[in-house]
């Protein structure tokens, strides 16, 4: 019986050139394996790569495919220092967002993507959320642009709980179609 290998390959140079490192498990510190990252191949599942060790800093959510330079994954620079893999989720996607911390104020429940939070929720700020089902990605700007924040099922009482530097969120999508 063949076992599917979940793999991501990091390359120091653009267009899959130069020194590379193949990774098949979560890694809290990639710095021993390469000094910078300019291209990535994702062979299966979703991966979240982080700018700093220990799953800190800017995060980028990558689906199966090829990323010949860091701008293709919306990277701000060529620094990737940790990564985690997440399997595809089958079934429902459900999340509640709130205008205030600790699940206060106006609430709205979503089961599908939202290209403009302001158009749907009439607020630009999300201070807390509850992810009941599936994996979701928050984006800093509308239409799935800008800095990304990966959310798995759980409670996020403040925007800092999902790694946000502020409460402004422009759009979000679930990872079913990503």
Protein backbone atom coordinates (compact mmCIF):
# COMPACT_ATOMS: atom_id res chain seq x y z
CA UNK A 1 0.00 0.00 0.00
CA UNK A 2 1.41 3.38 -1.01
CA UNK A 3 1.27 6.12 1.57
CA UNK A 4 0.79 9.67 0.30
CA UNK A 5 3.77 11.80 1.22
CA UNK A 6 2.88 15.37 2.18
CA UNK A 7 5.76 17.44 0.97
CA UNK A 8 6.96 20.95 0.41
CA UNK A 9 10.29 21.82 -1.24
CA UNK A 10 12.06 25.10 -0.51
CA UNK A 11 14.61 26.54 -2.98
CA UNK A 12 17.10 29.29 -2.24
CA UNK A 13 16.89 30.76 -5.75
CA UNK A 14 14.00 31.72 -8.01
CA UNK A 15 12.54 29.27 -10.50
CA UNK A 16 13.38 26.22 -8.36
CA UNK A 17 17.15 26.67 -8.64
CA UNK A 18 19.97 26.48 -6.15
CA UNK A 19 20.18 24.70 -2.85
CA UNK A 20 16.91 23.11 -1.76
CA UNK A 21 15.33 21.36 1.19
CA UNK A 22 12.50 18.80 1.07
CA UNK A 23 10.21 18.78 4.09
CA UNK A 24 7.41 16.34 4.92
CA UNK A 25 6.56 17.31 8.51
CA UNK A 26 6.04 20.46 10.55
CA UNK A 27 9.31 22.23 11.24
CA UNK A 28 9.71 24.94 13.88
CA UNK A 29 13.12 26.08 12.59
CA UNK A 30 14.16 25.78 8.95
CA UNK A 31 17.27 28.01 9.28
CA UNK A 32 19.74 25.06 9.41
CA UNK A 33 18.58 23.91 5.96
CA UNK A 34 18.70 27.11 3.86
CA UNK A 35 19.57 30.78 4.32
CA UNK A 36 16.78 32.32 2.23
CA UNK A 37 13.85 31.11 0.13
CA UNK A 38 12.91 32.40 -3.31
CA UNK A 39 10.76 29.57 -4.70
CA UNK A 40 8.61 26.73 -3.35
CA UNK A 41 6.91 23.60 -4.68
CA UNK A 42 3.96 22.16 -2.73
CA UNK A 43 3.22 18.53 -3.65
CA UNK A 44 0.16 17.94 -1.46
CA UNK A 45 -2.15 19.38 1.16
CA UNK A 46 -1.89 22.95 2.42
CA UNK A 47 1.14 24.39 4.09
CA UNK A 48 1.46 27.50 6.20
CA UNK A 49 4.96 28.95 6.02
CA UNK A 50 6.15 31.57 8.49
CA UNK A 51 8.70 34.35 8.24
CA UNK A 52 10.27 33.54 11.63
CA UNK A 53 11.07 30.38 13.61
CA UNK A 54 8.49 28.82 15.95
CA UNK A 55 5.55 29.68 13.66
CA UNK A 56 5.88 33.43 14.20
CA UNK A 57 5.83 36.49 11.96
CA UNK A 58 4.15 36.88 8.60
CA UNK A 59 2.33 33.75 7.47
CA UNK A 60 1.63 32.54 3.97
CA UNK A 61 -0.90 29.83 3.14
CA UNK A 62 0.14 27.70 0.17
CA UNK A 63 -1.94 25.13 -1.67
CA UNK A 64 -0.62 22.45 -3.99
CA UNK A 65 1.32 24.06 -6.82
CA UNK A 66 4.47 25.88 -7.85
CA UNK A 67 5.63 29.29 -6.62
CA UNK A 68 8.65 30.35 -8.75
CA UNK A 69 9.34 33.48 -6.69
CA UNK A 70 8.24 34.82 -3.31
CA UNK A 71 5.89 37.41 -4.82
CA UNK A 72 3.74 34.49 -6.07
CA UNK A 73 2.87 33.57 -2.48
CA UNK A 74 2.44 37.29 -1.64
CA UNK A 75 5.71 37.26 0.29
CA UNK A 76 7.23 40.50 1.55
CA UNK A 77 10.76 39.08 1.42
CA UNK A 78 12.70 35.83 0.98
CA UNK A 79 12.65 34.84 4.66
CA UNK A 80 10.91 31.54 5.51
CA UNK A 81 11.90 30.04 8.87
CA UNK A 82 9.14 27.56 9.88
CA UNK A 83 6.27 25.59 8.33
CA UNK A 84 3.22 23.46 9.17
CA UNK A 85 1.10 21.18 7.01
CA UNK A 86 -2.67 20.82 7.15
CA UNK A 87 -4.71 18.11 5.45
CA UNK A 88 -7.68 18.85 3.23
CA UNK A 89 -10.89 19.15 5.25
CA UNK A 90 -14.04 17.59 3.95
CA UNK A 91 -17.44 18.70 5.15
CA UNK A 92 -18.81 21.94 6.48
CA UNK A 93 -17.12 25.27 7.02
CA UNK A 94 -18.52 27.59 9.66
CA UNK A 95 -17.19 30.64 11.48
CA UNK A 96 -18.55 33.55 13.53
CA UNK A 97 -16.93 36.97 13.55
CA UNK A 98 -17.45 39.70 16.15
CA UNK A 99 -16.93 43.45 16.16
CA UNK A 100 -15.48 43.46 19.71
CA UNK A 101 -13.02 41.38 21.77
CA UNK A 102 -14.26 38.36 23.75
CA UNK A 103 -17.13 37.72 21.30
CA UNK A 104 -18.85 41.02 22.01
CA UNK A 105 -20.87 43.37 19.87
CA UNK A 106 -22.33 42.54 16.48
CA UNK A 107 -21.90 38.95 15.34
CA UNK A 108 -22.27 37.36 11.94
CA UNK A 109 -21.93 33.70 10.97
CA UNK A 110 -20.33 32.63 7.70
CA UNK A 111 -20.15 29.34 5.84
CA UNK A 112 -18.58 30.67 2.65
CA UNK A 113 -15.93 33.08 1.38
CA UNK A 114 -16.28 36.84 1.82
CA UNK A 115 -14.35 39.02 -0.68
CA UNK A 116 -15.23 42.22 1.22
CA UNK A 117 -15.93 42.10 4.94
CA UNK A 118 -17.19 45.68 4.91
CA UNK A 119 -19.79 44.86 2.25
CA UNK A 120 -21.04 41.83 4.23
CA UNK A 121 -20.53 42.83 7.86
CA UNK A 122 -20.50 46.67 7.60
CA UNK A 123 -17.37 46.77 9.77
CA UNK A 124 -13.71 46.71 8.78
CA UNK A 125 -12.59 45.53 12.19
CA UNK A 126 -12.90 42.00 13.50
CA UNK A 127 -11.80 41.79 17.12
CA UNK A 128 -12.70 38.16 17.82
CA UNK A 129 -14.00 35.06 16.08
CA UNK A 130 -14.99 31.46 16.62
CA UNK A 131 -14.08 28.87 13.99
CA UNK A 132 -16.44 25.94 14.40
CA UNK A 133 -15.61 23.97 11.25
CA UNK A 134 -12.82 23.97 8.68
CA UNK A 135 -9.73 26.08 8.10
CA UNK A 136 -10.03 29.77 7.18
CA UNK A 137 -7.69 32.51 5.95
CA UNK A 138 -8.12 36.17 6.89
CA UNK A 139 -6.61 38.72 4.51
CA UNK A 140 -5.59 42.26 5.34
CA UNK A 141 -7.32 43.74 2.26
CA UNK A 142 -10.49 43.02 0.25
CA UNK A 143 -10.42 40.48 -2.59
CA UNK A 144 -7.98 38.16 -0.79
CA UNK A 145 -4.95 40.43 -0.89
CA UNK A 146 -2.33 41.45 1.61
CA UNK A 147 -1.09 39.82 4.74
CA UNK A 148 -2.66 36.44 5.56
CA UNK A 149 -3.71 34.87 8.85
CA UNK A 150 -4.46 31.16 9.07
CA UNK A 151 -7.24 30.08 11.47
CA UNK A 152 -8.11 26.52 12.44
CA UNK A 153 -11.08 25.46 14.61
CA UNK A 154 -11.04 27.23 17.96
CA UNK A 155 -11.76 30.46 19.77
CA UNK A 156 -9.87 33.66 19.03
CA UNK A 157 -10.77 36.18 21.74
CA UNK A 158 -8.59 38.95 20.29
CA UNK A 159 -7.04 39.58 16.88
CA UNK A 160 -3.60 38.92 18.38
CA UNK A 161 -4.72 35.31 19.00
CA UNK A 162 -4.60 34.68 15.22
CA UNK A 163 -1.37 36.66 14.85
CA UNK A 164 -2.94 39.95 13.77
CA UNK A 165 -1.18 43.23 14.45
CA UNK A 166 -4.49 45.09 14.35
CA UNK A 167 -8.19 44.31 13.92
CA UNK A 168 -8.54 45.47 10.31
CA UNK A 169 -9.53 42.58 8.05
CA UNK A 170 -10.52 43.04 4.43
CA UNK A 171 -11.63 39.57 3.33
CA UNK A 172 -11.57 35.90 4.22
CA UNK A 173 -11.98 32.52 2.59
CA UNK A 174 -12.22 28.94 3.66
CA UNK A 175 -9.58 26.52 2.50
CA UNK A 176 -11.90 24.15 0.65
CA UNK A 177 -11.49 25.99 -2.66
CA UNK A 178 -8.15 27.66 -2.04
